[in-house]
């Protein structure tokens, strides 16, 4: 099953572009399943359901959403496999800009928007600098010159990533995004995979710079999710 991790600041358009891209993939015969890691509440399950995409939405509560992501990744992958999906897209809420939920050997996508400010690419940190693909939204709300300057600032932070401008509302650019997701590498599982960047200190094994995925490496304040509560498309 192909695996894609998608991260980015709140309200930058992650869900809209993913839902549209998954729609294009479905038309091409590639079925997707989405797992949304969020904090306290979300209506994104309704959007994915409307797009006909199986989705499981889980909440971290008082825990860091990216720590929550890492401690539940094995179970999330297993749930996506149980749906019979060809591609699993994991959308995670990026809040502190210190973490990078991207895995080595897996397509990593960072979504940001043109309204975040010219210094945003520098502030976002590892989830942008270590991404394979940077999707920029809301470009219709700024001038061409502003888009070019913003693209230059992104390139300063990440010299190797593919950069694409996408409009989550109109769908412009989502077909191109779907073509890139279609080329994501397939993996048999996530156990023993490593994160591309360690997480900040807190109260679990990942806080102590653990990068290996798997229950045996998880100690301390670990919260497990129930992936059975899902919205089927």
C-alpha atoms as a PDB file:
ATOM      1  CA  UNK A   1       0.000   0.000   0.000  1.00  0.00           C
ATOM      2  CA  UNK A   2       1.259   3.451  -0.871  1.00  0.00           C
ATOM      3  CA  UNK A   3       1.768   5.706   2.141  1.00  0.00           C
ATOM      4  CA  UNK A   4       1.779   9.515   2.223  1.00  0.00           C
ATOM      5  CA  UNK A   5       2.187  11.808   5.239  1.00  0.00           C
ATOM      6  CA  UNK A   6       0.685  15.296   5.013  1.00  0.00           C
ATOM      7  CA  UNK A   7       1.454  18.024   7.541  1.00  0.00           C
ATOM      8  CA  UNK A   8       1.013  21.767   7.780  1.00  0.00           C
ATOM      9  CA  UNK A   9      -0.259  24.600   9.983  1.00  0.00           C
ATOM     10  CA  UNK A  10      -3.967  24.779  10.902  1.00  0.00           C
ATOM     11  CA  UNK A  11      -6.409  26.080   8.266  1.00  0.00           C
ATOM     12  CA  UNK A  12      -3.890  26.078   5.427  1.00  0.00           C
ATOM     13  CA  UNK A  13      -6.101  23.863   3.263  1.00  0.00           C
ATOM     14  CA  UNK A  14      -4.696  20.368   3.877  1.00  0.00           C
ATOM     15  CA  UNK A  15      -8.037  18.579   3.939  1.00  0.00           C
ATOM     16  CA  UNK A  16      -9.435  20.336   0.860  1.00  0.00           C
ATOM     17  CA  UNK A  17      -6.475  19.536  -1.377  1.00  0.00           C
ATOM     18  CA  UNK A  18      -6.195  15.943  -0.111  1.00  0.00           C
ATOM     19  CA  UNK A  19      -9.892  15.245  -0.641  1.00  0.00           C
ATOM     20  CA  UNK A  20      -9.772  16.570  -4.203  1.00  0.00           C
ATOM     21  CA  UNK A  21      -6.558  14.716  -5.000  1.00  0.00           C
ATOM     22  CA  UNK A  22      -8.039  11.475  -3.639  1.00  0.00           C
ATOM     23  CA  UNK A  23     -11.039  12.025  -5.915  1.00  0.00           C
ATOM     24  CA  UNK A  24      -8.736  12.192  -8.951  1.00  0.00           C
ATOM     25  CA  UNK A  25      -6.889   9.061  -7.786  1.00  0.00           C
ATOM     26  CA  UNK A  26     -10.187   7.201  -7.444  1.00  0.00           C
ATOM     27  CA  UNK A  27     -11.059   8.128 -11.031  1.00  0.00           C
ATOM     28  CA  UNK A  28      -7.709   6.644 -12.054  1.00  0.00           C
ATOM     29  CA  UNK A  29      -8.554   3.383 -10.247  1.00  0.00           C
ATOM     30  CA  UNK A  30      -6.482   3.995  -7.108  1.00  0.00           C
ATOM     31  CA  UNK A  31      -8.592   3.866  -3.943  1.00  0.00           C
ATOM     32  CA  UNK A  32      -7.487   5.940  -0.946  1.00  0.00           C
ATOM     33  CA  UNK A  33      -8.099   5.788   2.789  1.00  0.00           C
ATOM     34  CA  UNK A  34      -7.376   8.798   5.008  1.00  0.00           C
ATOM     35  CA  UNK A  35      -6.459   8.957   8.684  1.00  0.00           C
ATOM     36  CA  UNK A  36      -6.806  12.380  10.273  1.00  0.00           C
ATOM     37  CA  UNK A  37      -4.881  13.075  13.476  1.00  0.00           C
ATOM     38  CA  UNK A  38      -6.270  16.177  15.164  1.00  0.00           C
ATOM     39  CA  UNK A  39      -6.375  17.731  18.624  1.00  0.00           C
ATOM     40  CA  UNK A  40      -9.809  18.438  20.080  1.00  0.00           C
ATOM     41  CA  UNK A  41     -12.450  18.512  17.341  1.00  0.00           C
ATOM     42  CA  UNK A  42     -12.764  18.298  13.578  1.00  0.00           C
ATOM     43  CA  UNK A  43     -15.376  18.353  10.825  1.00  0.00           C
ATOM     44  CA  UNK A  44     -12.949  17.004   8.259  1.00  0.00           C
ATOM     45  CA  UNK A  45     -14.504  13.555   8.415  1.00  0.00           C
ATOM     46  CA  UNK A  46     -17.645  14.998   6.829  1.00  0.00           C
ATOM     47  CA  UNK A  47     -15.628  16.488   3.982  1.00  0.00           C
ATOM     48  CA  UNK A  48     -13.883  13.201   3.229  1.00  0.00           C
ATOM     49  CA  UNK A  49     -17.183  11.340   3.494  1.00  0.00           C
ATOM     50  CA  UNK A  50     -18.724  13.724   0.953  1.00  0.00           C
ATOM     51  CA  UNK A  51     -15.782  13.017  -1.349  1.00  0.00           C
ATOM     52  CA  UNK A  52     -16.367   9.258  -1.020  1.00  0.00           C
ATOM     53  CA  UNK A  53     -13.105   8.597   0.826  1.00  0.00           C
ATOM     54  CA  UNK A  54     -12.980   6.177   3.814  1.00  0.00           C
ATOM     55  CA  UNK A  55     -11.642   8.143   6.788  1.00  0.00           C
ATOM     56  CA  UNK A  56     -10.829   7.620  10.447  1.00  0.00           C
ATOM     57  CA  UNK A  57     -10.571  10.771  12.575  1.00  0.00           C
ATOM     58  CA  UNK A  58      -8.815  10.489  15.946  1.00  0.00           C
ATOM     59  CA  UNK A  59      -8.017  13.121  18.583  1.00  0.00           C
ATOM     60  CA  UNK A  60      -4.902  13.547  20.704  1.00  0.00           C
ATOM     61  CA  UNK A  61      -6.626  15.540  23.447  1.00  0.00           C
ATOM     62  CA  UNK A  62      -3.982  16.961  25.749  1.00  0.00           C
ATOM     63  CA  UNK A  63      -1.075  15.261  23.988  1.00  0.00           C
ATOM     64  CA  UNK A  64       1.056  16.677  21.185  1.00  0.00           C
ATOM     65  CA  UNK A  65      -0.663  15.574  17.939  1.00  0.00           C
ATOM     66  CA  UNK A  66       2.599  14.471  16.335  1.00  0.00           C
ATOM     67  CA  UNK A  67       3.553  12.344  19.360  1.00  0.00           C
ATOM     68  CA  UNK A  68       0.031  10.912  19.161  1.00  0.00           C
ATOM     69  CA  UNK A  69       0.666  10.232  15.462  1.00  0.00           C
ATOM     70  CA  UNK A  70       3.910   8.352  16.103  1.00  0.00           C
ATOM     71  CA  UNK A  71       2.489   6.161  18.881  1.00  0.00           C
ATOM     72  CA  UNK A  72      -0.502   5.160  16.735  1.00  0.00           C
ATOM     73  CA  UNK A  73       1.080   4.789  13.317  1.00  0.00           C
ATOM     74  CA  UNK A  74       1.173   0.976  13.298  1.00  0.00           C
ATOM     75  CA  UNK A  75      -2.528   0.726  14.133  1.00  0.00           C
ATOM     76  CA  UNK A  76      -3.408   3.464  11.641  1.00  0.00           C
ATOM     77  CA  UNK A  77      -1.612   1.642   8.839  1.00  0.00           C
ATOM     78  CA  UNK A  78      -3.364  -1.611   9.756  1.00  0.00           C
ATOM     79  CA  UNK A  79      -6.761   0.106   9.671  1.00  0.00           C
ATOM     80  CA  UNK A  80      -6.068   1.542   6.210  1.00  0.00           C
ATOM     81  CA  UNK A  81      -5.054  -1.917   4.974  1.00  0.00           C
ATOM     82  CA  UNK A  82      -8.324  -3.329   6.329  1.00  0.00           C
ATOM     83  CA  UNK A  83     -10.282  -0.979   4.045  1.00  0.00           C
ATOM     84  CA  UNK A  84      -8.608  -2.480   0.968  1.00  0.00           C
ATOM     85  CA  UNK A  85      -7.117   0.878   0.004  1.00  0.00           C
ATOM     86  CA  UNK A  86      -4.288   1.162  -2.506  1.00  0.00           C
ATOM     87  CA  UNK A  87      -3.036   4.393  -0.933  1.00  0.00           C
ATOM     88  CA  UNK A  88      -3.079   5.551   2.697  1.00  0.00           C
ATOM     89  CA  UNK A  89      -2.900   9.291   3.321  1.00  0.00           C
ATOM     90  CA  UNK A  90      -2.167  10.397   6.870  1.00  0.00           C
ATOM     91  CA  UNK A  91      -3.085  14.002   7.648  1.00  0.00           C
ATOM     92  CA  UNK A  92      -1.697  15.310  10.910  1.00  0.00           C
ATOM     93  CA  UNK A  93      -2.272  18.619  12.648  1.00  0.00           C
ATOM     94  CA  UNK A  94       0.966  20.592  12.796  1.00  0.00           C
ATOM     95  CA  UNK A  95       0.877  23.112  15.611  1.00  0.00           C
ATOM     96  CA  UNK A  96       4.242  23.923  17.198  1.00  0.00           C
ATOM     97  CA  UNK A  97       6.244  23.719  13.919  1.00  0.00           C
ATOM     98  CA  UNK A  98       9.000  21.850  15.768  1.00  0.00           C
ATOM     99  CA  UNK A  99       8.028  18.307  14.710  1.00  0.00           C
ATOM    100  CA  UNK A 100       8.282  16.530  11.392  1.00  0.00           C
ATOM    101  CA  UNK A 101       5.862  13.603  11.054  1.00  0.00           C
ATOM    102  CA  UNK A 102       7.456  12.484   7.784  1.00  0.00           C
ATOM    103  CA  UNK A 103       8.975   9.005   7.624  1.00  0.00           C
ATOM    104  CA  UNK A 104      12.121   7.930   5.833  1.00  0.00           C
ATOM    105  CA  UNK A 105      11.257   6.150   2.590  1.00  0.00           C
ATOM    106  CA  UNK A 106       7.684   7.527   2.511  1.00  0.00           C
ATOM    107  CA  UNK A 107       6.363  10.472   0.473  1.00  0.00           C
ATOM    108  CA  UNK A 108       6.243  13.505   2.811  1.00  0.00           C
ATOM    109  CA  UNK A 109       4.001  16.468   1.936  1.00  0.00           C
ATOM    110  CA  UNK A 110       3.932  19.872   3.631  1.00  0.00           C
ATOM    111  CA  UNK A 111       1.000  22.227   2.963  1.00  0.00           C
ATOM    112  CA  UNK A 112       1.336  25.954   3.617  1.00  0.00           C
ATOM    113  CA  UNK A 113      -0.497  29.017   2.322  1.00  0.00           C
ATOM    114  CA  UNK A 114       0.530  32.327   0.814  1.00  0.00           C
ATOM    115  CA  UNK A 115      -1.147  34.332   3.603  1.00  0.00           C
ATOM    116  CA  UNK A 116       1.095  33.076   6.401  1.00  0.00           C
ATOM    117  CA  UNK A 117       3.704  35.799   5.993  1.00  0.00           C
ATOM    118  CA  UNK A 118       6.985  36.024   4.138  1.00  0.00           C
ATOM    119  CA  UNK A 119       8.966  34.534   7.048  1.00  0.00           C
ATOM    120  CA  UNK A 120       6.664  31.533   7.480  1.00  0.00           C
ATOM    121  CA  UNK A 121       8.822  29.026   5.545  1.00  0.00           C
ATOM    122  CA  UNK A 122      11.700  29.685   7.932  1.00  0.00           C
ATOM    123  CA  UNK A 123       9.490  29.373  11.021  1.00  0.00           C
ATOM    124  CA  UNK A 124       7.715  26.167  10.028  1.00  0.00           C
ATOM    125  CA  UNK A 125      10.813  24.069  10.603  1.00  0.00           C
ATOM    126  CA  UNK A 126      11.448  20.363   9.897  1.00  0.00           C
ATOM    127  CA  UNK A 127       8.037  19.491   8.475  1.00  0.00           C
ATOM    128  CA  UNK A 128       8.812  21.847   5.568  1.00  0.00           C
ATOM    129  CA  UNK A 129      12.584  21.433   5.379  1.00  0.00           C
ATOM    130  CA  UNK A 130      12.320  17.632   5.252  1.00  0.00           C
ATOM    131  CA  UNK A 131       9.306  17.363   2.943  1.00  0.00           C
ATOM    132  CA  UNK A 132       9.485  15.856  -0.544  1.00  0.00           C
ATOM    133  CA  UNK A 133       6.594  17.960  -1.819  1.00  0.00           C
ATOM    134  CA  UNK A 134       5.520  21.445  -0.704  1.00  0.00           C
ATOM    135  CA  UNK A 135       1.957  22.410  -1.629  1.00  0.00           C
ATOM    136  CA  UNK A 136       1.195  26.144  -1.505  1.00  0.00           C
ATOM    137  CA  UNK A 137      -2.452  27.197  -1.245  1.00  0.00           C
ATOM    138  CA  UNK A 138      -4.403  30.500  -1.407  1.00  0.00           C
ATOM    139  CA  UNK A 139      -2.189  31.850  -4.188  1.00  0.00           C
ATOM    140  CA  UNK A 140      -5.254  33.458  -5.776  1.00  0.00           C
ATOM    141  CA  UNK A 141      -5.349  35.945  -2.893  1.00  0.00           C
ATOM    142  CA  UNK A 142      -1.897  37.443  -3.538  1.00  0.00           C
ATOM    143  CA  UNK A 143      -0.063  38.911  -6.530  1.00  0.00           C
ATOM    144  CA  UNK A 144       2.210  36.982  -8.881  1.00  0.00           C
ATOM    145  CA  UNK A 145       5.209  38.821  -7.440  1.00  0.00           C
ATOM    146  CA  UNK A 146       4.262  37.752  -3.908  1.00  0.00           C
ATOM    147  CA  UNK A 147       3.874  34.149  -5.053  1.00  0.00           C
ATOM    148  CA  UNK A 148       7.334  34.197  -6.627  1.00  0.00           C
ATOM    149  CA  UNK A 149       8.970  35.695  -3.529  1.00  0.00           C
ATOM    150  CA  UNK A 150       7.210  33.142  -1.316  1.00  0.00           C
ATOM    151  CA  UNK A 151       8.383  30.333  -3.573  1.00  0.00           C
ATOM    152  CA  UNK A 152      11.942  31.649  -3.317  1.00  0.00           C
ATOM    153  CA  UNK A 153      11.745  31.648   0.494  1.00  0.00           C
ATOM    154  CA  UNK A 154      10.485  28.056   0.438  1.00  0.00           C
ATOM    155  CA  UNK A 155      13.380  27.080  -1.808  1.00  0.00           C
ATOM    156  CA  UNK A 156      15.822  28.649   0.641  1.00  0.00           C
ATOM    157  CA  UNK A 157      14.548  26.298   3.348  1.00  0.00           C
ATOM    158  CA  UNK A 158      14.188  23.191   1.163  1.00  0.00           C
ATOM    159  CA  UNK A 159      16.373  22.936  -1.921  1.00  0.00           C
ATOM    160  CA  UNK A 160      15.178  19.541  -3.133  1.00  0.00           C
ATOM    161  CA  UNK A 161      11.393  19.490  -2.670  1.00  0.00           C
ATOM    162  CA  UNK A 162       8.904  19.718  -5.521  1.00  0.00           C
ATOM    163  CA  UNK A 163       6.802  22.885  -5.101  1.00  0.00           C
ATOM    164  CA  UNK A 164       3.248  23.074  -6.424  1.00  0.00           C
ATOM    165  CA  UNK A 165       0.586  25.797  -6.177  1.00  0.00           C
ATOM    166  CA  UNK A 166      -2.843  24.296  -5.552  1.00  0.00           C
ATOM    167  CA  UNK A 167      -6.267  25.813  -4.951  1.00  0.00           C
ATOM    168  CA  UNK A 168      -8.257  23.667  -2.535  1.00  0.00           C
ATOM    169  CA  UNK A 169     -11.522  25.503  -3.241  1.00  0.00           C
ATOM    170  CA  UNK A 170     -11.558  25.355  -7.034  1.00  0.00           C
ATOM    171  CA  UNK A 171      -9.421  22.231  -7.357  1.00  0.00           C
ATOM    172  CA  UNK A 172      -6.912  23.901  -9.648  1.00  0.00           C
ATOM    173  CA  UNK A 173      -3.627  21.981  -9.448  1.00  0.00           C
ATOM    174  CA  UNK A 174      -5.145  18.968  -7.652  1.00  0.00           C
ATOM    175  CA  UNK A 175      -4.856  16.750 -10.720  1.00  0.00           C
ATOM    176  CA  UNK A 176      -1.122  17.430 -10.792  1.00  0.00           C
ATOM    177  CA  UNK A 177      -0.969  16.724  -7.062  1.00  0.00           C
ATOM    178  CA  UNK A 178      -2.795  13.420  -7.579  1.00  0.00           C
ATOM    179  CA  UNK A 179      -0.259  12.433 -10.251  1.00  0.00           C
ATOM    180  CA  UNK A 180       2.559  12.978  -7.745  1.00  0.00           C
ATOM    181  CA  UNK A 181       0.763  11.020  -5.003  1.00  0.00           C
ATOM    182  CA  UNK A 182       0.226   8.193  -7.477  1.00  0.00           C
ATOM    183  CA  UNK A 183       4.007   7.765  -7.670  1.00  0.00           C
ATOM    184  CA  UNK A 184       4.392   7.436  -3.883  1.00  0.00           C
ATOM    185  CA  UNK A 185       6.365   4.329  -2.890  1.00  0.00           C
ATOM    186  CA  UNK A 186       4.420   1.324  -1.595  1.00  0.00           C
ATOM    187  CA  UNK A 187       5.369  -0.202   1.775  1.00  0.00           C
ATOM    188  CA  UNK A 188       4.443  -3.457   3.516  1.00  0.00           C
ATOM    189  CA  UNK A 189       4.256  -1.880   6.973  1.00  0.00           C
ATOM    190  CA  UNK A 190       5.607   0.900   9.167  1.00  0.00           C
ATOM    191  CA  UNK A 191       7.160  -1.101  12.007  1.00  0.00           C
ATOM    192  CA  UNK A 192      10.905  -0.338  12.320  1.00  0.00           C
ATOM    193  CA  UNK A 193      10.592   2.705  10.047  1.00  0.00           C
ATOM    194  CA  UNK A 194      12.212   5.901  11.309  1.00  0.00           C
ATOM    195  CA  UNK A 195      11.001   9.462  11.553  1.00  0.00           C
ATOM    196  CA  UNK A 196      13.030  11.984   9.590  1.00  0.00           C
ATOM    197  CA  UNK A 197      13.457  14.203  12.650  1.00  0.00           C
ATOM    198  CA  UNK A 198      13.283  13.622  16.404  1.00  0.00           C
ATOM    199  CA  UNK A 199      10.507  15.177  18.471  1.00  0.00           C
ATOM    200  CA  UNK A 200      10.810  17.729  21.313  1.00  0.00           C
ATOM    201  CA  UNK A 201      11.038  16.692  24.952  1.00  0.00           C
ATOM    202  CA  UNK A 202       7.864  15.646  26.791  1.00  0.00           C
ATOM    203  CA  UNK A 203       6.982  12.425  28.618  1.00  0.00           C
ATOM    204  CA  UNK A 204       7.253   9.470  26.241  1.00  0.00           C
ATOM    205  CA  UNK A 205      10.024   7.523  24.490  1.00  0.00           C
ATOM    206  CA  UNK A 206       9.765   9.737  21.402  1.00  0.00           C
ATOM    207  CA  UNK A 207      10.523  12.708  23.647  1.00  0.00           C
ATOM    208  CA  UNK A 208      13.872  11.055  24.368  1.00  0.00           C
ATOM    209  CA  UNK A 209      14.754  11.025  20.647  1.00  0.00           C
ATOM    210  CA  UNK A 210      13.343   7.581  19.836  1.00  0.00           C
ATOM    211  CA  UNK A 211      12.610   7.386  16.089  1.00  0.00           C
ATOM    212  CA  UNK A 212      11.657   3.729  15.600  1.00  0.00           C
ATOM    213  CA  UNK A 213       8.001   2.899  15.009  1.00  0.00           C
ATOM    214  CA  UNK A 214       6.508   0.042  17.047  1.00  0.00           C
ATOM    215  CA  UNK A 215       4.786  -0.638  20.371  1.00  0.00           C
ATOM    216  CA  UNK A 216       7.935  -2.163  21.844  1.00  0.00           C
ATOM    217  CA  UNK A 217       9.681   1.235  21.623  1.00  0.00           C
ATOM    218  CA  UNK A 218       6.863   3.173  23.281  1.00  0.00           C
ATOM    219  CA  UNK A 219       7.152   4.003  26.976  1.00  0.00           C
ATOM    220  CA  UNK A 220       5.771   6.676  29.282  1.00  0.00           C
ATOM    221  CA  UNK A 221       2.603   8.668  28.570  1.00  0.00           C
ATOM    222  CA  UNK A 222       1.288   6.801  25.514  1.00  0.00           C
ATOM    223  CA  UNK A 223      -2.292   7.208  24.294  1.00  0.00           C
ATOM    224  CA  UNK A 224      -3.786   4.684  21.878  1.00  0.00           C
ATOM    225  CA  UNK A 225      -6.624   5.560  19.518  1.00  0.00           C
ATOM    226  CA  UNK A 226      -9.736   3.624  18.501  1.00  0.00           C
ATOM    227  CA  UNK A 227      -9.656   3.465  14.705  1.00  0.00           C
ATOM    228  CA  UNK A 228     -12.918   1.549  14.583  1.00  0.00           C
ATOM    229  CA  UNK A 229     -14.926   4.783  14.845  1.00  0.00           C
ATOM    230  CA  UNK A 230     -14.723   5.971  11.270  1.00  0.00           C
ATOM    231  CA  UNK A 231     -16.668   7.679   8.510  1.00  0.00           C
ATOM    232  CA  UNK A 232     -16.977   5.420   5.476  1.00  0.00           C
ATOM    233  CA  UNK A 233     -17.398   6.936   2.062  1.00  0.00           C
END
